[in-house]
Amino acid sequence: MEQFKSDLKGLVNLKLRNQIDEAVYSEENVRISSELNELRQQKILLKKDNDHKIQIKDRVDEIIQVLSLRQDVLIQFDDNLFNALVEKITILSPALYFFTKKSGLNIDEILN
């Protein structure tokens, strides 16, 4: 991105000193600006992707911490453990449920 910014500044300087043809200037300005805008969009997408990965890692770390605190074998339903692991439940029908875990994983449950 910095190279394209520098190229654009150089192009503007050439234009200000009347050292470049108007048609060439316009063509290069459009090309460089387009490349710069494309790189900016890619940077935004990469940042969103990275933020999402960090969020998932934080959730997984939280799950690991909750599970590592458990010393005994689970013999009955544990509200605290369930709430620590499950972000939401989507009920599609009385017999079909989707559990969205805090790690981002989806689990479907079909009742017979």
N, C-alpha and C. Protein backbone atom coordinates (compact mmCIF):
# COMPACT_ATOMS: atom_id res chain seq x y z
N MET A 1 0.82 -1.18 0.00
CA MET A 1 0.00 0.00 0.00
C MET A 1 0.87 1.26 0.00
N GLU A 2 1.91 1.20 0.78
CA GLU A 2 2.79 2.38 0.85
C GLU A 2 3.42 2.69 -0.51
N GLN A 3 3.75 1.64 -1.26
CA GLN A 3 4.34 1.86 -2.58
C GLN A 3 3.34 2.54 -3.51
N PHE A 4 2.08 2.12 -3.47
CA PHE A 4 1.07 2.74 -4.31
C PHE A 4 0.80 4.18 -3.88
N LYS A 5 0.82 4.45 -2.58
CA LYS A 5 0.67 5.82 -2.10
C LYS A 5 1.82 6.69 -2.61
N SER A 6 3.01 6.15 -2.54
CA SER A 6 4.18 6.87 -3.03
C SER A 6 4.10 7.11 -4.53
N ASP A 7 3.66 6.08 -5.28
CA ASP A 7 3.50 6.22 -6.72
C ASP A 7 2.48 7.29 -7.06
N LEU A 8 1.40 7.34 -6.29
CA LEU A 8 0.36 8.33 -6.53
C LEU A 8 0.87 9.74 -6.25
N LYS A 9 1.65 9.90 -5.18
CA LYS A 9 2.25 11.20 -4.88
C LYS A 9 3.20 11.63 -6.00
N GLY A 10 4.01 10.69 -6.47
CA GLY A 10 4.92 11.00 -7.57
C GLY A 10 4.18 11.40 -8.82
N LEU A 11 3.07 10.74 -9.09
CA LEU A 11 2.26 11.06 -10.25
C LEU A 11 1.68 12.46 -10.13
N VAL A 12 1.19 12.81 -8.96
CA VAL A 12 0.64 14.15 -8.73
C VAL A 12 1.73 15.20 -8.88
N ASN A 13 2.92 14.91 -8.38
CA ASN A 13 4.04 15.85 -8.53
C ASN A 13 4.38 16.08 -10.00
N LEU A 14 4.39 15.00 -10.79
CA LEU A 14 4.64 15.15 -12.22
C LEU A 14 3.57 16.01 -12.87
N LYS A 15 2.33 15.82 -12.47
CA LYS A 15 1.23 16.61 -13.02
C LYS A 15 1.37 18.07 -12.63
N LEU A 16 1.73 18.33 -11.37
CA LEU A 16 1.87 19.72 -10.91
C LEU A 16 2.99 20.46 -11.64
N ARG A 17 4.01 19.73 -12.04
CA ARG A 17 5.14 20.33 -12.77
C ARG A 17 4.96 20.26 -14.28
N ASN A 18 3.77 19.84 -14.70
CA ASN A 18 3.45 19.70 -16.14
C ASN A 18 4.47 18.83 -16.87
N GLN A 19 4.89 17.74 -16.22
CA GLN A 19 5.86 16.83 -16.82
C GLN A 19 5.23 15.53 -17.30
N ILE A 20 3.90 15.51 -17.35
CA ILE A 20 3.22 14.30 -17.79
C ILE A 20 2.00 14.70 -18.61
N ASP A 21 1.72 13.93 -19.63
CA ASP A 21 0.58 14.16 -20.49
C ASP A 21 -0.71 13.93 -19.69
N GLU A 22 -1.74 14.72 -19.96
CA GLU A 22 -3.01 14.64 -19.24
C GLU A 22 -3.64 13.24 -19.35
N ALA A 23 -3.63 12.66 -20.53
CA ALA A 23 -4.23 11.34 -20.74
C ALA A 23 -3.47 10.27 -19.97
N VAL A 24 -2.14 10.34 -19.99
CA VAL A 24 -1.32 9.38 -19.26
C VAL A 24 -1.56 9.54 -17.76
N TYR A 25 -1.62 10.80 -17.31
CA TYR A 25 -1.87 11.07 -15.90
C TYR A 25 -3.20 10.45 -15.46
N SER A 26 -4.26 10.72 -16.22
CA SER A 26 -5.58 10.22 -15.87
C SER A 26 -5.60 8.69 -15.82
N GLU A 27 -5.01 8.07 -16.83
CA GLU A 27 -4.97 6.61 -16.89
C GLU A 27 -4.22 6.02 -15.70
N GLU A 28 -3.05 6.57 -15.41
CA GLU A 28 -2.25 6.06 -14.29
C GLU A 28 -2.90 6.36 -12.95
N ASN A 29 -3.53 7.51 -12.83
CA ASN A 29 -4.22 7.87 -11.59
C ASN A 29 -5.34 6.88 -11.31
N VAL A 30 -6.11 6.54 -12.33
CA VAL A 30 -7.19 5.57 -12.16
C VAL A 30 -6.62 4.21 -11.80
N ARG A 31 -5.57 3.78 -12.49
CA ARG A 31 -4.98 2.46 -12.23
C ARG A 31 -4.43 2.37 -10.81
N ILE A 32 -3.64 3.35 -10.41
CA ILE A 32 -3.03 3.32 -9.07
C ILE A 32 -4.10 3.43 -7.98
N SER A 33 -5.07 4.32 -8.19
CA SER A 33 -6.14 4.48 -7.20
C SER A 33 -6.95 3.20 -7.05
N SER A 34 -7.20 2.53 -8.18
CA SER A 34 -7.94 1.26 -8.13
C SER A 34 -7.16 0.20 -7.36
N GLU A 35 -5.88 0.10 -7.64
CA GLU A 35 -5.04 -0.88 -6.93
C GLU A 35 -5.01 -0.57 -5.43
N LEU A 36 -4.89 0.70 -5.11
CA LEU A 36 -4.85 1.11 -3.71
C LEU A 36 -6.17 0.79 -3.00
N ASN A 37 -7.28 1.08 -3.66
CA ASN A 37 -8.58 0.77 -3.07
C ASN A 37 -8.77 -0.73 -2.89
N GLU A 38 -8.31 -1.52 -3.86
CA GLU A 38 -8.42 -2.98 -3.74
C GLU A 38 -7.60 -3.48 -2.55
N LEU A 39 -6.40 -2.94 -2.38
CA LEU A 39 -5.57 -3.34 -1.24
C LEU A 39 -6.22 -2.93 0.08
N ARG A 40 -6.85 -1.77 0.10
CA ARG A 40 -7.54 -1.33 1.33
C ARG A 40 -8.68 -2.29 1.67
N GLN A 41 -9.43 -2.71 0.65
CA GLN A 41 -10.52 -3.66 0.88
C GLN A 41 -9.99 -4.99 1.40
N GLN A 42 -8.89 -5.45 0.81
CA GLN A 42 -8.27 -6.70 1.26
C GLN A 42 -7.80 -6.58 2.71
N LYS A 43 -7.25 -5.43 3.05
CA LYS A 43 -6.78 -5.20 4.41
C LYS A 43 -7.95 -5.26 5.40
N ILE A 44 -9.09 -4.68 5.02
CA ILE A 44 -10.28 -4.71 5.88
C ILE A 44 -10.74 -6.15 6.08
N LEU A 45 -10.79 -6.93 5.00
CA LEU A 45 -11.21 -8.33 5.09
C LEU A 45 -10.25 -9.15 5.96
N LEU A 46 -8.95 -8.92 5.78
CA LEU A 46 -7.97 -9.63 6.58
C LEU A 46 -8.09 -9.28 8.06
N LYS A 47 -8.35 -8.02 8.35
CA LYS A 47 -8.51 -7.60 9.74
C LYS A 47 -9.75 -8.26 10.35
N LYS A 48 -10.86 -8.29 9.60
CA LYS A 48 -12.07 -8.94 10.10
C LYS A 48 -11.81 -10.42 10.36
N ASP A 49 -11.12 -11.07 9.42
CA ASP A 49 -10.81 -12.49 9.57
C ASP A 49 -9.93 -12.73 10.79
N ASN A 50 -8.92 -11.89 10.96
CA ASN A 50 -8.02 -12.01 12.11
C ASN A 50 -8.77 -11.77 13.42
N ASP A 51 -9.65 -10.76 13.44
CA ASP A 51 -10.44 -10.49 14.65
C ASP A 51 -11.33 -11.68 14.98
N HIS A 52 -11.91 -12.29 13.95
CA HIS A 52 -12.77 -13.46 14.16
C HIS A 52 -11.96 -14.62 14.73
N LYS A 53 -10.76 -14.84 14.21
CA LYS A 53 -9.91 -15.92 14.72
C LYS A 53 -9.51 -15.66 16.17
N ILE A 54 -9.22 -14.43 16.51
CA ILE A 54 -8.87 -14.08 17.89
C ILE A 54 -10.06 -14.32 18.80
N GLN A 55 -11.26 -13.97 18.33
CA GLN A 55 -12.47 -14.19 19.12
C GLN A 55 -12.70 -15.68 19.38
N ILE A 56 -12.52 -16.50 18.35
CA ILE A 56 -12.69 -17.95 18.52
C ILE A 56 -11.64 -18.49 19.47
N LYS A 57 -10.39 -18.05 19.34
CA LYS A 57 -9.32 -18.51 20.23
C LYS A 57 -9.65 -18.15 21.68
N ASP A 58 -10.15 -16.94 21.90
CA ASP A 58 -10.52 -16.53 23.26
C ASP A 58 -11.63 -17.41 23.82
N ARG A 59 -12.60 -17.75 22.96
CA ARG A 59 -13.69 -18.63 23.40
C ARG A 59 -13.16 -20.02 23.75
N VAL A 60 -12.30 -20.54 22.90
CA VAL A 60 -11.74 -21.87 23.16
C VAL A 60 -10.90 -21.85 24.44
N ASP A 61 -10.13 -20.80 24.65
CA ASP A 61 -9.35 -20.68 25.88
C ASP A 61 -10.26 -20.65 27.11
N GLU A 62 -11.39 -19.97 26.99
CA GLU A 62 -12.35 -19.92 28.09
C GLU A 62 -12.93 -21.31 28.37
N ILE A 63 -13.24 -22.03 27.31
CA ILE A 63 -13.78 -23.39 27.46
C ILE A 63 -12.74 -24.30 28.12
N ILE A 64 -11.52 -24.19 27.69
CA ILE A 64 -10.44 -25.00 28.27
C ILE A 64 -10.29 -24.70 29.75
N GLN A 65 -10.37 -23.42 30.09
CA GLN A 65 -10.25 -23.04 31.49
C GLN A 65 -11.39 -23.62 32.32
N VAL A 66 -12.62 -23.53 31.81
CA VAL A 66 -13.78 -24.07 32.53
C VAL A 66 -13.63 -25.57 32.72
N LEU A 67 -13.24 -26.27 31.65
CA LEU A 67 -13.11 -27.72 31.73
C LEU A 67 -11.95 -28.14 32.62
N SER A 68 -10.88 -27.38 32.64
CA SER A 68 -9.73 -27.76 33.46
C SER A 68 -10.02 -27.58 34.96
N LEU A 69 -11.00 -26.77 35.30
CA LEU A 69 -11.37 -26.58 36.70
C LEU A 69 -12.16 -27.77 37.24
N ARG A 70 -12.72 -28.56 36.37
CA ARG A 70 -13.50 -29.73 36.79
C ARG A 70 -12.55 -30.86 37.15
N GLN A 71 -12.73 -31.38 38.34
CA GLN A 71 -11.88 -32.46 38.82
C GLN A 71 -12.61 -33.81 38.79
N ASP A 72 -13.93 -33.75 38.93
CA ASP A 72 -14.71 -34.98 39.04
C ASP A 72 -15.39 -35.33 37.72
N VAL A 73 -15.88 -36.55 37.67
CA VAL A 73 -16.60 -37.03 36.50
C VAL A 73 -18.02 -36.47 36.56
N LEU A 74 -18.53 -36.03 35.46
CA LEU A 74 -19.87 -35.46 35.39
C LEU A 74 -20.90 -36.60 35.42
N ILE A 75 -21.75 -36.61 36.45
CA ILE A 75 -22.76 -37.67 36.56
C ILE A 75 -24.18 -37.14 36.38
N GLN A 76 -24.32 -35.82 36.36
CA GLN A 76 -25.63 -35.22 36.12
C GLN A 76 -25.43 -33.89 35.40
N PHE A 77 -26.52 -33.35 34.89
CA PHE A 77 -26.48 -32.10 34.14
C PHE A 77 -25.91 -30.99 35.01
N ASP A 78 -25.00 -30.21 34.44
CA ASP A 78 -24.37 -29.10 35.15
C ASP A 78 -24.70 -27.80 34.41
N ASP A 79 -25.54 -26.96 35.02
CA ASP A 79 -25.94 -25.69 34.40
C ASP A 79 -24.75 -24.81 34.06
N ASN A 80 -23.83 -24.69 35.00
CA ASN A 80 -22.68 -23.81 34.79
C ASN A 80 -21.81 -24.28 33.63
N LEU A 81 -21.58 -25.57 33.55
CA LEU A 81 -20.78 -26.12 32.46
C LEU A 81 -21.51 -25.93 31.13
N PHE A 82 -22.80 -26.21 31.11
CA PHE A 82 -23.60 -26.04 29.89
C PHE A 82 -23.54 -24.58 29.41
N ASN A 83 -23.74 -23.64 30.32
CA ASN A 83 -23.71 -22.21 29.97
C ASN A 83 -22.32 -21.76 29.52
N ALA A 84 -21.30 -22.39 30.04
CA ALA A 84 -19.93 -22.04 29.64
C ALA A 84 -19.61 -22.55 28.24
N LEU A 85 -20.27 -23.63 27.83
CA LEU A 85 -19.96 -24.25 26.54
C LEU A 85 -20.90 -23.84 25.41
N VAL A 86 -22.16 -23.57 25.72
CA VAL A 86 -23.16 -23.33 24.68
C VAL A 86 -23.51 -21.85 24.62
N GLU A 87 -23.40 -21.30 23.40
CA GLU A 87 -23.73 -19.89 23.20
C GLU A 87 -25.23 -19.71 22.97
N LYS A 88 -25.82 -20.56 22.10
CA LYS A 88 -27.26 -20.45 21.87
C LYS A 88 -27.82 -21.77 21.38
N ILE A 89 -29.14 -21.89 21.51
CA ILE A 89 -29.87 -23.05 21.02
C ILE A 89 -30.90 -22.55 20.02
N THR A 90 -30.91 -23.16 18.84
CA THR A 90 -31.90 -22.82 17.82
C THR A 90 -32.83 -24.01 17.67
N ILE A 91 -34.12 -23.77 17.88
CA ILE A 91 -35.12 -24.84 17.78
C ILE A 91 -35.80 -24.71 16.43
N LEU A 92 -35.56 -25.69 15.58
CA LEU A 92 -36.15 -25.68 14.25
C LEU A 92 -37.50 -26.39 14.21
N SER A 93 -37.68 -27.34 15.08
CA SER A 93 -38.95 -28.06 15.22
C SER A 93 -38.94 -28.69 16.61
N PRO A 94 -40.06 -29.23 17.04
CA PRO A 94 -40.06 -29.86 18.37
C PRO A 94 -39.06 -31.01 18.51
N ALA A 95 -38.59 -31.54 17.39
CA ALA A 95 -37.66 -32.67 17.46
C ALA A 95 -36.27 -32.34 16.95
N LEU A 96 -36.04 -31.10 16.49
CA LEU A 96 -34.74 -30.75 15.90
C LEU A 96 -34.19 -29.47 16.53
N TYR A 97 -33.02 -29.62 17.15
CA TYR A 97 -32.36 -28.51 17.84
C TYR A 97 -30.95 -28.34 17.28
N PHE A 98 -30.48 -27.10 17.22
CA PHE A 98 -29.09 -26.81 16.88
C PHE A 98 -28.46 -26.09 18.07
N PHE A 99 -27.38 -26.66 18.56
CA PHE A 99 -26.62 -26.04 19.64
C PHE A 99 -25.42 -25.35 19.02
N THR A 100 -25.29 -24.06 19.26
CA THR A 100 -24.11 -23.33 18.81
C THR A 100 -23.20 -23.17 20.01
N LYS A 101 -22.05 -23.83 19.94
CA LYS A 101 -21.11 -23.78 21.05
C LYS A 101 -20.33 -22.47 20.99
N LYS A 102 -19.76 -22.08 22.09
CA LYS A 102 -18.99 -20.84 22.14
C LYS A 102 -17.73 -20.92 21.28
N SER A 103 -17.33 -22.11 20.93
CA SER A 103 -16.17 -22.27 20.04
C SER A 103 -16.55 -22.01 18.59
N GLY A 104 -17.86 -21.86 18.32
CA GLY A 104 -18.33 -21.66 16.96
C GLY A 104 -18.86 -22.92 16.30
N LEU A 105 -18.64 -24.06 16.92
CA LEU A 105 -19.08 -25.34 16.39
C LEU A 105 -20.59 -25.48 16.57
N ASN A 106 -21.27 -26.01 15.54
CA ASN A 106 -22.71 -26.29 15.61
C ASN A 106 -22.93 -27.78 15.76
N ILE A 107 -23.84 -28.13 16.66
CA ILE A 107 -24.19 -29.54 16.86
C ILE A 107 -25.70 -29.65 16.73
N ASP A 108 -26.15 -30.59 15.91
CA ASP A 108 -27.59 -30.79 15.80
C ASP A 108 -28.02 -31.97 16.65
N GLU A 109 -29.21 -31.88 17.18
CA GLU A 109 -29.75 -32.93 18.03
C GLU A 109 -31.16 -33.24 17.53
N ILE A 110 -31.39 -34.49 17.19
CA ILE A 110 -32.69 -34.93 16.72
C ILE A 110 -33.28 -35.86 17.78
N LEU A 111 -34.45 -35.46 18.28
CA LEU A 111 -35.12 -36.26 19.30
C LEU A 111 -36.03 -37.27 18.62
N ASN A 112 -36.03 -38.49 19.12
CA ASN A 112 -36.90 -39.54 18.56
C ASN A 112 -38.20 -39.62 19.30
